[in-house]
C-alpha atoms as a PDB file:
ATOM      1  CA  MET A   1      76.755 -61.186  64.966  1.00  0.00           C
ATOM      2  CA  THR A   2      75.810 -64.694  65.319  1.00  0.00           C
ATOM      3  CA  ILE A   3      71.773 -65.604  66.069  1.00  0.00           C
ATOM      4  CA  ARG A   4      70.926 -68.192  67.291  1.00  0.00           C
ATOM      5  CA  PRO A   5      68.227 -70.755  65.872  1.00  0.00           C
ATOM      6  CA  SER A   6      67.312 -72.066  68.954  1.00  0.00           C
ATOM      7  CA  ILE A   7      65.524 -68.271  69.873  1.00  0.00           C
ATOM      8  CA  THR A   8      64.693 -67.408  65.819  1.00  0.00           C
ATOM      9  CA  ILE A   9      62.392 -70.840  66.219  1.00  0.00           C
ATOM     10  CA  ALA A  10      61.177 -70.271  69.384  1.00  0.00           C
ATOM     11  CA  SER A  11      60.394 -66.919  68.310  1.00  0.00           C
ATOM     12  CA  MET A  12      58.607 -67.954  64.967  1.00  0.00           C
ATOM     13  CA  HIS A  13      56.590 -70.690  66.792  1.00  0.00           C
ATOM     14  CA  VAL A  14      55.026 -67.884  69.219  1.00  0.00           C
ATOM     15  CA  MET A  15      54.059 -66.263  65.784  1.00  0.00           C
ATOM     16  CA  ILE A  16      52.600 -68.311  63.785  1.00  0.00           C
ATOM     17  CA  LEU A  17      50.658 -69.812  67.081  1.00  0.00           C
ATOM     18  CA  GLY A  18      49.608 -66.081  67.878  1.00  0.00           C
ATOM     19  CA  ALA A  19      48.325 -65.884  64.200  1.00  0.00           C
ATOM     20  CA  GLY A  20      46.474 -68.661  64.249  1.00  0.00           C
ATOM     21  CA  ALA A  21      44.827 -67.900  67.976  1.00  0.00           C
ATOM     22  CA  HIS A  22      44.304 -64.240  65.929  1.00  0.00           C
ATOM     23  CA  ALA A  23      43.017 -65.450  62.629  1.00  0.00           C
ATOM     24  CA  ALA A  24      40.488 -68.256  64.862  1.00  0.00           C
ATOM     25  CA  ALA A  25      38.873 -65.300  67.131  1.00  0.00           C
ATOM     26  CA  GLU A  26      38.465 -63.275  63.239  1.00  0.00           C
ATOM     27  CA  GLU A  27      36.475 -66.444  61.804  1.00  0.00           C
ATOM     28  CA  PRO A  28      32.462 -65.074  61.423  1.00  0.00           C
ATOM     29  CA  VAL A  29      29.844 -66.145  63.144  1.00  0.00           C
ATOM     30  CA  LEU A  30      26.345 -66.656  61.846  1.00  0.00           C
ATOM     31  CA  VAL A  31      24.672 -65.550  64.068  1.00  0.00           C
ATOM     32  CA  GLN A  32      20.903 -66.066  63.638  1.00  0.00           C
ATOM     33  CA  PRO A  33      17.905 -68.934  65.129  1.00  0.00           C
ATOM     34  CA  SER A  34      18.179 -72.498  64.473  1.00  0.00           C
ATOM     35  CA  TRP A  35      14.151 -72.656  64.068  1.00  0.00           C
ATOM     36  CA  GLU A  36      14.357 -76.171  64.559  1.00  0.00           C
ATOM     37  CA  VAL A  37      11.009 -77.412  64.136  1.00  0.00           C
ATOM     38  CA  GLY A  38       9.540 -79.415  67.407  1.00  0.00           C
ATOM     39  CA  HIS A  39      12.150 -77.231  69.555  1.00  0.00           C
ATOM     40  CA  THR A  40      10.922 -75.828  72.190  1.00  0.00           C
ATOM     41  CA  ILE A  41      12.937 -73.695  74.654  1.00  0.00           C
ATOM     42  CA  TYR A  42      11.543 -70.852  77.768  1.00  0.00           C
ATOM     43  CA  VAL A  43      12.168 -67.661  78.234  1.00  0.00           C
ATOM     44  CA  GLU A  44      11.511 -65.321  80.815  1.00  0.00           C
ATOM     45  CA  TRP A  45      11.451 -61.546  80.698  1.00  0.00           C
ATOM     46  CA  GLU A  46      11.940 -59.988  83.831  1.00  0.00           C
ATOM     47  CA  THR A  47      10.717 -56.258  84.044  1.00  0.00           C
ATOM     48  CA  GLU A  48      11.383 -53.809  86.780  1.00  0.00           C
ATOM     49  CA  GLY A  49      10.128 -49.876  86.618  1.00  0.00           C
ATOM     50  CA  ILE A  50      10.133 -46.710  88.604  1.00  0.00           C
ATOM     51  CA  PHE A  51       7.621 -44.765  87.714  1.00  0.00           C
ATOM     52  CA  ARG A  52       7.318 -41.209  88.581  1.00  0.00           C
ATOM     53  CA  VAL A  53       4.202 -38.861  87.001  1.00  0.00           C
ATOM     54  CA  ASP A  54       3.733 -34.811  87.814  1.00  0.00           C
ATOM     55  CA  ARG A  55       0.681 -32.903  87.312  1.00  0.00           C
ATOM     56  CA  GLU A  56      -0.141 -29.356  87.868  1.00  0.00           C
ATOM     57  CA  GLU A  57      -2.383 -31.093  91.254  1.00  0.00           C
ATOM     58  CA  GLU A  58      -0.035 -33.824  92.558  1.00  0.00           C
ATOM     59  CA  SER A  59       2.774 -35.726  91.973  1.00  0.00           C
ATOM     60  CA  SER A  60       2.762 -39.583  92.392  1.00  0.00           C
ATOM     61  CA  LYS A  61       5.881 -42.658  92.556  1.00  0.00           C
ATOM     62  CA  MET A  62       5.530 -46.370  92.574  1.00  0.00           C
ATOM     63  CA  THR A  63       7.710 -48.969  91.497  1.00  0.00           C
ATOM     64  CA  VAL A  64       6.583 -52.274  90.184  1.00  0.00           C
ATOM     65  CA  TRP A  65       8.239 -55.697  88.618  1.00  0.00           C
ATOM     66  CA  GLU A  66       7.053 -58.461  86.798  1.00  0.00           C
ATOM     67  CA  THR A  67       7.834 -61.535  85.143  1.00  0.00           C
ATOM     68  CA  MET A  68       6.627 -63.496  82.391  1.00  0.00           C
ATOM     69  CA  GLY A  69       7.670 -66.416  81.685  1.00  0.00           C
ATOM     70  CA  PHE A  70       6.566 -68.412  77.883  1.00  0.00           C
ATOM     71  CA  LEU A  71       7.487 -71.565  76.806  1.00  0.00           C
ATOM     72  CA  CYS A  72       7.963 -71.842  73.275  1.00  0.00           C
ATOM     73  CA  THR A  73       7.816 -74.437  70.467  1.00  0.00           C
ATOM     74  CA  VAL A  74       8.756 -73.766  66.512  1.00  0.00           C
ATOM     75  CA  VAL A  75       5.964 -75.693  65.113  1.00  0.00           C
ATOM     76  CA  GLU A  76       6.025 -74.889  61.356  1.00  0.00           C
ATOM     77  CA  ARG A  77       8.947 -72.922  58.658  1.00  0.00           C
ATOM     78  CA  LEU A  78       6.641 -70.503  56.429  1.00  0.00           C
ATOM     79  CA  PRO A  79       7.258 -69.923  52.842  1.00  0.00           C
ATOM     80  CA  LYS A  80      10.482 -67.757  52.217  1.00  0.00           C
ATOM     81  CA  GLY A  81      11.986 -68.426  55.275  1.00  0.00           C
ATOM     82  CA  GLY A  82       9.883 -67.785  57.862  1.00  0.00           C
ATOM     83  CA  VAL A  83       8.462 -69.423  61.270  1.00  0.00           C
ATOM     84  CA  ARG A  84       5.742 -69.982  62.986  1.00  0.00           C
ATOM     85  CA  LEU A  85       5.927 -70.437  67.001  1.00  0.00           C
ATOM     86  CA  GLN A  86       3.643 -71.019  68.916  1.00  0.00           C
ATOM     87  CA  VAL A  87       4.091 -69.230  72.801  1.00  0.00           C
ATOM     88  CA  THR A  88       2.674 -71.181  75.576  1.00  0.00           C
ATOM     89  CA  PHE A  89       1.562 -68.876  79.073  1.00  0.00           C
ATOM     90  CA  ASP A  90       4.303 -70.724  81.802  1.00  0.00           C
ATOM     91  CA  ARG A  91       4.493 -68.407  84.511  1.00  0.00           C
ATOM     92  CA  PHE A  92       3.199 -64.515  85.673  1.00  0.00           C
ATOM     93  CA  ALA A  93       4.689 -62.876  88.714  1.00  0.00           C
ATOM     94  CA  ALA A  94       4.120 -59.799  89.738  1.00  0.00           C
ATOM     95  CA  GLY A  95       4.784 -56.767  92.124  1.00  0.00           C
ATOM     96  CA  ASP A  96       4.280 -53.366  93.222  1.00  0.00           C
ATOM     97  CA  ASP A  97       5.348 -50.772  95.893  1.00  0.00           C
ATOM     98  CA  ILE A  98       2.822 -48.190  95.489  1.00  0.00           C
ATOM     99  CA  SER A  99       2.599 -45.368  99.188  1.00  0.00           C
ATOM    100  CA  GLY A 100       4.876 -47.785 101.099  1.00  0.00           C
ATOM    101  CA  THR A 101       2.134 -50.996 100.059  1.00  0.00           C
ATOM    102  CA  ARG A 102       4.130 -53.651  98.917  1.00  0.00           C
ATOM    103  CA  MET A 103       2.870 -56.650  97.534  1.00  0.00           C
ATOM    104  CA  THR A 104       3.689 -59.881  95.122  1.00  0.00           C
ATOM    105  CA  SER A 105       2.953 -63.235  93.461  1.00  0.00           C
ATOM    106  CA  ASP A 106       4.413 -65.730  91.848  1.00  0.00           C
ATOM    107  CA  SER A 107       2.298 -68.339  90.291  1.00  0.00           C
ATOM    108  CA  ASP A 108       5.499 -71.159  90.442  1.00  0.00           C
ATOM    109  CA  GLN A 109       4.356 -71.148  94.302  1.00  0.00           C
ATOM    110  CA  SER A 110       2.272 -73.330  95.354  1.00  0.00           C
ATOM    111  CA  ASN A 111       1.143 -71.863  98.579  1.00  0.00           C
ATOM    112  CA  ARG A 112      -1.021 -69.251  98.160  1.00  0.00           C
ATOM    113  CA  SER A 113      -1.933 -67.853 100.699  1.00  0.00           C
ATOM    114  CA  GLY A 114      -1.173 -64.369 101.830  1.00  0.00           C
ATOM    115  CA  VAL A 115      -1.576 -63.762  97.629  1.00  0.00           C
ATOM    116  CA  ASN A 116      -4.675 -61.207  97.354  1.00  0.00           C
ATOM    117  CA  ASP A 117      -3.679 -59.261  94.345  1.00  0.00           C
ATOM    118  CA  PRO A 118      -6.291 -58.788  91.982  1.00  0.00           C
ATOM    119  CA  PHE A 119      -3.850 -58.225  88.609  1.00  0.00           C
ATOM    120  CA  PHE A 120      -2.339 -61.298  89.250  1.00  0.00           C
ATOM    121  CA  GLU A 121      -4.868 -63.386  89.973  1.00  0.00           C
ATOM    122  CA  VAL A 122      -7.091 -62.365  86.625  1.00  0.00           C
ATOM    123  CA  LEU A 123      -4.424 -63.504  84.836  1.00  0.00           C
ATOM    124  CA  ARG A 124      -4.293 -67.318  86.225  1.00  0.00           C
ATOM    125  CA  PRO A 125      -6.566 -68.766  83.744  1.00  0.00           C
ATOM    126  CA  VAL A 126      -4.544 -68.212  80.990  1.00  0.00           C
ATOM    127  CA  LEU A 127      -1.860 -70.445  82.248  1.00  0.00           C
ATOM    128  CA  GLY A 128      -1.206 -73.495  79.802  1.00  0.00           C
ATOM    129  CA  GLU A 129      -3.053 -71.657  76.811  1.00  0.00           C
ATOM    130  CA  SER A 130      -1.717 -70.489  73.466  1.00  0.00           C
ATOM    131  CA  TYR A 131      -1.552 -68.381  71.032  1.00  0.00           C
ATOM    132  CA  THR A 132       0.772 -67.825  67.654  1.00  0.00           C
ATOM    133  CA  VAL A 133       3.659 -65.632  66.965  1.00  0.00           C
ATOM    134  CA  GLU A 134       4.877 -65.797  63.096  1.00  0.00           C
ATOM    135  CA  LEU A 135       7.980 -64.361  61.544  1.00  0.00           C
ATOM    136  CA  ASN A 136       9.582 -63.266  58.164  1.00  0.00           C
ATOM    137  CA  ALA A 137      13.015 -64.919  57.269  1.00  0.00           C
ATOM    138  CA  LYS A 138      14.818 -61.630  59.446  1.00  0.00           C
ATOM    139  CA  GLY A 139      12.555 -62.228  62.498  1.00  0.00           C
ATOM    140  CA  VAL A 140      10.502 -59.609  62.578  1.00  0.00           C
ATOM    141  CA  VAL A 141       6.987 -60.379  63.582  1.00  0.00           C
ATOM    142  CA  GLN A 142       4.109 -60.076  60.788  1.00  0.00           C
ATOM    143  CA  CYS A 143       1.321 -60.995  62.757  1.00  0.00           C
ATOM    144  CA  VAL A 144       0.436 -62.030  66.376  1.00  0.00           C
ATOM    145  CA  ARG A 145      -2.891 -64.881  66.471  1.00  0.00           C
ATOM    146  CA  GLY A 146      -4.984 -65.996  69.085  1.00  0.00           C
ATOM    147  CA  LEU A 147      -4.701 -62.774  72.205  1.00  0.00           C
ATOM    148  CA  ASP A 148      -8.384 -62.281  71.653  1.00  0.00           C
ATOM    149  CA  LYS A 149      -9.167 -65.602  72.571  1.00  0.00           C
ATOM    150  CA  LEU A 150      -7.530 -65.532  75.980  1.00  0.00           C
ATOM    151  CA  LEU A 151      -8.747 -62.117  76.766  1.00  0.00           C
ATOM    152  CA  ALA A 152     -12.152 -63.232  76.078  1.00  0.00           C
ATOM    153  CA  LEU A 153     -11.247 -66.276  78.731  1.00  0.00           C
ATOM    154  CA  VAL A 154     -10.325 -63.461  81.205  1.00  0.00           C
ATOM    155  CA  GLU A 155     -13.372 -61.516  81.026  1.00  0.00           C
ATOM    156  CA  ARG A 156     -15.260 -64.494  81.524  1.00  0.00           C
ATOM    157  CA  VAL A 157     -14.234 -65.757  85.053  1.00  0.00           C
ATOM    158  CA  SER A 158     -13.935 -61.531  86.592  1.00  0.00           C
ATOM    159  CA  ARG A 159     -15.568 -58.901  87.040  1.00  0.00           C
ATOM    160  CA  ASN A 160     -13.338 -56.621  88.686  1.00  0.00           C
ATOM    161  CA  GLU A 161     -12.943 -53.508  86.001  1.00  0.00           C
ATOM    162  CA  LEU A 162      -9.401 -52.143  86.759  1.00  0.00           C
ATOM    163  CA  ALA A 163      -7.948 -56.106  86.919  1.00  0.00           C
ATOM    164  CA  LEU A 164      -9.814 -56.678  83.713  1.00  0.00           C
ATOM    165  CA  ARG A 165      -7.497 -53.263  82.306  1.00  0.00           C
ATOM    166  CA  HIS A 166      -4.556 -54.751  83.497  1.00  0.00           C
ATOM    167  CA  ALA A 167      -5.208 -57.952  81.409  1.00  0.00           C
ATOM    168  CA  GLU A 168      -6.122 -55.847  78.463  1.00  0.00           C
ATOM    169  CA  VAL A 169      -2.380 -54.273  79.160  1.00  0.00           C
ATOM    170  CA  VAL A 170      -0.720 -57.256  79.398  1.00  0.00           C
ATOM    171  CA  LEU A 171      -2.969 -59.552  76.333  1.00  0.00           C
ATOM    172  CA  ASP A 172      -2.189 -56.656  74.309  1.00  0.00           C
ATOM    173  CA  GLU A 173      -1.357 -57.393  70.123  1.00  0.00           C
ATOM    174  CA  GLN A 174       1.247 -54.622  70.311  1.00  0.00           C
ATOM    175  CA  MET A 175       2.571 -55.498  73.177  1.00  0.00           C
ATOM    176  CA  HIS A 176       3.696 -59.140  72.226  1.00  0.00           C
ATOM    177  CA  MET A 177       4.840 -58.024  68.701  1.00  0.00           C
ATOM    178  CA  GLY A 178       6.661 -55.302  70.242  1.00  0.00           C
ATOM    179  CA  MET A 179       8.245 -58.249  72.949  1.00  0.00           C
ATOM    180  CA  TRP A 180       9.008 -60.662  70.191  1.00  0.00           C
ATOM    181  CA  ASP A 181      10.442 -57.840  68.309  1.00  0.00           C
ATOM    182  CA  LEU A 182      13.011 -57.096  70.697  1.00  0.00           C
ATOM    183  CA  PHE A 183      14.256 -61.156  71.148  1.00  0.00           C
ATOM    184  CA  HIS A 184      14.744 -61.531  68.086  1.00  0.00           C
ATOM    185  CA  ALA A 185      16.090 -58.699  66.978  1.00  0.00           C
ATOM    186  CA  PRO A 186      19.763 -59.066  67.797  1.00  0.00           C
ATOM    187  CA  TYR A 187      20.175 -62.153  65.452  1.00  0.00           C
ATOM    188  CA  ALA A 188      22.185 -60.203  62.646  1.00  0.00           C
ATOM    189  CA  PHE A 189      20.860 -63.019  60.167  1.00  0.00           C
ATOM    190  CA  ARG A 190      24.100 -62.803  58.832  1.00  0.00           C
ATOM    191  CA  ALA A 191      27.973 -64.003  59.496  1.00  0.00           C
ATOM    192  CA  VAL A 192      29.616 -61.277  61.506  1.00  0.00           C
ATOM    193  CA  ARG A 193      33.035 -60.823  62.912  1.00  0.00           C
ATOM    194  CA  PRO A 194      33.801 -58.438  66.399  1.00  0.00           C
ATOM    195  CA  GLY A 195      33.086 -54.500  65.500  1.00  0.00           C
ATOM    196  CA  ASP A 196      30.600 -55.613  62.567  1.00  0.00           C
ATOM    197  CA  THR A 197      26.467 -53.755  63.744  1.00  0.00           C
ATOM    198  CA  TRP A 198      23.323 -53.797  62.458  1.00  0.00           C
ATOM    199  CA  ARG A 199      20.023 -51.915  63.011  1.00  0.00           C
ATOM    200  CA  ARG A 200      16.249 -52.314  64.187  1.00  0.00           C
ATOM    201  CA  VAL A 201      13.427 -50.073  64.614  1.00  0.00           C
ATOM    202  CA  ILE A 202      10.908 -51.721  66.198  1.00  0.00           C
ATOM    203  CA  GLN A 203       7.664 -50.299  66.914  1.00  0.00           C
ATOM    204  CA  SER A 204       6.111 -49.685  70.244  1.00  0.00           C
ATOM    205  CA  TYR A 205       2.755 -47.912  71.135  1.00  0.00           C
ATOM    206  CA  LYS A 206       4.370 -44.597  72.245  1.00  0.00           C
ATOM    207  CA  GLY A 207       5.867 -44.978  68.937  1.00  0.00           C
ATOM    208  CA  PRO A 208       9.269 -47.078  66.783  1.00  0.00           C
ATOM    209  CA  ASN A 209      12.342 -47.260  68.706  1.00  0.00           C
ATOM    210  CA  GLY A 210      15.513 -47.582  67.221  1.00  0.00           C
ATOM    211  CA  TYR A 211      18.565 -50.533  68.078  1.00  0.00           C
ATOM    212  CA  ARG A 212      21.974 -50.654  66.911  1.00  0.00           C
ATOM    213  CA  PHE A 213      23.635 -53.964  67.916  1.00  0.00           C
ATOM    214  CA  THR A 214      27.354 -54.284  67.964  1.00  0.00           C
ATOM    215  CA  ALA A 215      29.300 -57.803  68.222  1.00  0.00           C
ATOM    216  CA  LYS A 216      31.595 -56.778  70.650  1.00  0.00           C
ATOM    217  CA  ARG A 217      33.526 -60.378  71.241  1.00  0.00           C
ATOM    218  CA  ILE A 218      33.862 -63.815  70.349  1.00  0.00           C
ATOM    219  CA  ASP A 219      34.473 -66.370  72.107  1.00  0.00           C
ATOM    220  CA  GLY A 220      36.355 -69.491  70.791  1.00  0.00           C
ATOM    221  CA  GLY A 221      36.403 -73.379  71.877  1.00  0.00           C
ATOM    222  CA  SER A 222      33.567 -75.717  72.324  1.00  0.00           C
ATOM    223  CA  ASP A 223      31.633 -73.034  74.646  1.00  0.00           C
ATOM    224  CA  GLN A 224      31.060 -70.633  71.695  1.00  0.00           C
ATOM    225  CA  ARG A 225      29.581 -67.855  72.279  1.00  0.00           C
ATOM    226  CA  VAL A 226      29.088 -64.276  71.141  1.00  0.00           C
ATOM    227  CA  HIS A 227      28.628 -61.297  72.692  1.00  0.00           C
ATOM    228  CA  ILE A 228      26.513 -58.917  71.828  1.00  0.00           C
ATOM    229  CA  GLU A 229      25.648 -54.727  72.575  1.00  0.00           C
ATOM    230  CA  TYR A 230      22.877 -52.451  71.783  1.00  0.00           C
ATOM    231  CA  THR A 231      21.891 -48.726  71.771  1.00  0.00           C
ATOM    232  CA  VAL A 232      18.318 -47.694  72.194  1.00  0.00           C
ATOM    233  CA  ALA A 233      16.906 -44.209  71.144  1.00  0.00           C
ATOM    234  CA  ALA A 234      13.271 -43.552  70.625  1.00  0.00           C
ATOM    235  CA  VAL A 235      12.941 -42.762  66.878  1.00  0.00           C
ATOM    236  CA  PRO A 236      11.104 -38.716  65.864  1.00  0.00           C
ATOM    237  CA  SER A 237       7.244 -39.522  64.633  1.00  0.00           C
ATOM    238  CA  PRO A 238       5.945 -36.624  62.587  1.00  0.00           C
ATOM    239  CA  GLU A 239       2.719 -39.022  63.009  1.00  0.00           C
ATOM    240  CA  THR A 240       0.688 -38.712  66.508  1.00  0.00           C
ATOM    241  CA  GLN A 241       0.787 -41.812  68.589  1.00  0.00           C
ATOM    242  CA  ALA A 242      -3.512 -42.760  69.643  1.00  0.00           C
ATOM    243  CA  ALA A 243      -3.759 -42.963  73.197  1.00  0.00           C
ATOM    244  CA  GLU A 244      -3.374 -45.650  75.504  1.00  0.00           C
ATOM    245  CA  ARG A 245      -6.592 -47.556  75.001  1.00  0.00           C
ATOM    246  CA  TRP A 246      -6.379 -49.049  78.524  1.00  0.00           C
ATOM    247  CA  TRP A 247      -5.695 -45.439  80.175  1.00  0.00           C
ATOM    248  CA  GLY A 248      -6.831 -42.923  77.968  1.00  0.00           C
ATOM    249  CA  VAL A 249      -3.069 -40.898  78.000  1.00  0.00           C
ATOM    250  CA  ARG A 250      -1.276 -39.756  75.073  1.00  0.00           C
ATOM    251  CA  TYR A 251       2.363 -39.155  75.403  1.00  0.00           C
ATOM    252  CA  GLU A 252       4.245 -36.894  73.606  1.00  0.00           C
ATOM    253  CA  ASN A 253       8.174 -35.161  73.518  1.00  0.00           C
ATOM    254  CA  ARG A 254       9.039 -38.916  73.890  1.00  0.00           C
ATOM    255  CA  ARG A 255      13.141 -38.476  75.087  1.00  0.00           C
ATOM    256  CA  MET A 256      14.021 -42.040  75.311  1.00  0.00           C
ATOM    257  CA  ARG A 257      17.760 -43.924  75.644  1.00  0.00           C
ATOM    258  CA  ALA A 258      18.585 -47.401  76.584  1.00  0.00           C
ATOM    259  CA  ARG A 259      21.419 -49.670  76.573  1.00  0.00           C
ATOM    260  CA  GLY A 260      21.709 -53.933  76.782  1.00  0.00           C
ATOM    261  CA  THR A 261      24.080 -56.731  76.514  1.00  0.00           C
ATOM    262  CA  ALA A 262      22.724 -59.888  74.440  1.00  0.00           C
ATOM    263  CA  VAL A 263      24.519 -63.603  74.526  1.00  0.00           C
ATOM    264  CA  PHE A 264      24.384 -65.536  71.619  1.00  0.00           C
ATOM    265  CA  VAL A 265      25.055 -69.620  71.608  1.00  0.00           C
ATOM    266  CA  PRO A 266      26.078 -70.904  68.048  1.00  0.00           C
ATOM    267  CA  LYS A 267      25.767 -74.226  68.681  1.00  0.00           C
ATOM    268  CA  ASP A 268      22.417 -74.224  70.655  1.00  0.00           C
ATOM    269  CA  GLY A 269      21.128 -72.008  67.937  1.00  0.00           C
ATOM    270  CA  TYR A 270      19.500 -69.227  69.886  1.00  0.00           C
ATOM    271  CA  ILE A 271      19.341 -66.031  72.363  1.00  0.00           C
ATOM    272  CA  VAL A 272      20.933 -67.237  75.796  1.00  0.00           C
ATOM    273  CA  GLU A 273      20.076 -64.195  77.931  1.00  0.00           C
ATOM    274  CA  MET A 274      19.846 -60.566  76.918  1.00  0.00           C
ATOM    275  CA  ARG A 275      19.908 -58.245  79.713  1.00  0.00           C
ATOM    276  CA  GLU A 276      19.058 -54.094  78.986  1.00  0.00           C
ATOM    277  CA  SER A 277      18.395 -50.644  81.478  1.00  0.00           C
ATOM    278  CA  GLY A 278      17.369 -47.608  80.174  1.00  0.00           C
ATOM    279  CA  GLU A 279      15.213 -44.126  81.094  1.00  0.00           C
ATOM    280  CA  GLU A 280      12.350 -42.150  79.401  1.00  0.00           C
ATOM    281  CA  ARG A 281      10.595 -38.713  79.721  1.00  0.00           C
ATOM    282  CA  ALA A 282       7.895 -37.784  77.934  1.00  0.00           C
ATOM    283  CA  ASP A 283       4.346 -35.373  78.385  1.00  0.00           C
ATOM    284  CA  MET A 284       1.885 -36.309  78.624  1.00  0.00           C
ATOM    285  CA  GLU A 285      -2.049 -35.276  78.085  1.00  0.00           C
ATOM    286  CA  SER A 286      -4.825 -37.372  79.188  1.00  0.00           C
ATOM    287  CA  LYS A 287      -9.075 -37.126  79.784  1.00  0.00           C
ATOM    288  CA  ASP A 288     -11.237 -38.299  81.843  1.00  0.00           C
ATOM    289  CA  GLY A 289     -13.639 -40.237  80.290  1.00  0.00           C
ATOM    290  CA  ALA A 290     -16.671 -39.847  82.967  1.00  0.00           C
ATOM    291  CA  THR A 291     -15.867 -35.564  83.780  1.00  0.00           C
ATOM    292  CA  GLY A 292     -14.352 -34.503  80.512  1.00  0.00           C
ATOM    293  CA  LYS A 293     -11.602 -32.844  81.943  1.00  0.00           C
ATOM    294  CA  GLN A 294      -8.289 -32.693  80.615  1.00  0.00           C
ATOM    295  CA  GLY A 295      -5.134 -32.891  81.872  1.00  0.00           C
ATOM    296  CA  THR A 296      -1.668 -32.451  81.516  1.00  0.00           C
ATOM    297  CA  GLY A 297       1.685 -33.593  83.096  1.00  0.00           C
ATOM    298  CA  THR A 298       5.154 -35.295  82.160  1.00  0.00           C
ATOM    299  CA  ARG A 299       6.302 -38.905  83.482  1.00  0.00           C
ATOM    300  CA  GLN A 300       9.225 -40.064  83.935  1.00  0.00           C
ATOM    301  CA  MET A 301      10.346 -43.895  84.304  1.00  0.00           C
ATOM    302  CA  SER A 302      13.573 -46.094  84.641  1.00  0.00           C
ATOM    303  CA  TRP A 303      13.970 -49.974  83.614  1.00  0.00           C
ATOM    304  CA  ARG A 304      15.551 -52.927  84.371  1.00  0.00           C
ATOM    305  CA  GLN A 305      15.166 -56.243  82.154  1.00  0.00           C
ATOM    306  CA  SER A 306      16.609 -58.995  81.507  1.00  0.00           C
ATOM    307  CA  VAL A 307      15.250 -62.298  79.533  1.00  0.00           C
ATOM    308  CA  VAL A 308      16.920 -65.697  80.482  1.00  0.00           C
ATOM    309  CA  VAL A 309      16.411 -68.580  78.040  1.00  0.00           C
ATOM    310  CA  LEU A 310      16.153 -72.019  79.665  1.00  0.00           C
ATOM    311  CA  THR A 311      15.468 -75.908  78.218  1.00  0.00           C
ATOM    312  CA  LYS A 312      12.446 -77.365  79.157  1.00  0.00           C
ATOM    313  CA  ALA A 313      14.359 -79.722  81.419  1.00  0.00           C
ATOM    314  CA  GLU A 314      16.095 -76.633  83.042  1.00  0.00           C
ATOM    315  CA  ARG A 315      12.825 -75.009  83.431  1.00  0.00           C
ATOM    316  CA  GLN A 316      11.167 -77.903  85.229  1.00  0.00           C
ATOM    317  CA  ARG A 317      13.928 -77.764  87.689  1.00  0.00           C
ATOM    318  CA  GLN A 318      13.299 -74.051  88.166  1.00  0.00           C
ATOM    319  CA  LYS A 319       9.496 -74.731  89.278  1.00  0.00           C
ATOM    320  CA  ASP A 320      10.707 -77.566  91.435  1.00  0.00           C
ATOM    321  CA  ARG A 321      12.923 -75.436  93.180  1.00  0.00           C
ATOM    322  CA  ALA A 322      10.364 -72.865  93.491  1.00  0.00           C
ATOM    323  CA  LYS A 323       7.684 -75.532  95.022  1.00  0.00           C
ATOM    324  CA  PRO A 324       8.138 -75.000  99.335  1.00  0.00           C
END
């Protein structure tokens, strides 16, 4: 039997091109931040949470959403590969829906008519103010400095006790350590191929959470992107967690599951977006400071969270669009 050469050559070309495309897709990509000194990005966190609390005598449900935006500048590379970041508060937006009463506020809106949310207004003095974050060579937060000064600034201009307790939450050191740990956790700090995995444990005030990241897909071409998926679960811990200092509530038997995605752009040298959703259930134990009465119950929460990274120019355009 005679095989026509034209068909054989064409088939070989297809095989060669296909093999080349497959090889290119399998080329490892370094997934780590560039951390270029002097470079600034805008990092915006948006979270919506639905909370249900069941106590012996009552049940309550509320929806809360919050946006916090930060200008994040690399100010110094530290010995052994670490970095110091300057983080500047650039946006607060918040809202809630409690018992049918809905309220929203946004610092990007120049028209402040109708803004009467004390939990929002108490934070206005820290807009434009900064604190520092130090990370090691693997993106693990080593320390956060300067939040105590910002809280003192808020306390000097407000006498609303409930609003100040809210400010303690927003400016809590443990919360900001966990936030920047999470932001840097999707970086593998090594070259990865599709299917490669890496893990991180991030401490929260309610206990440790375990993250498992997987490089799912790598887009080729000039707009190369690494698509990352991850899962989260509460890590069992024999240690009793300290009560939340702002509400005096202790959580035990915490069950939490979440899933998320992240996108890394090699040419930019940073994660450009993250998205996460999850659910958590925990037993509650509280003590009324005035009466000493003990209370128990359960709390269920579900949330959706997104992190979007913009350049300084993109952030300015975002602010311009928000103006009336």
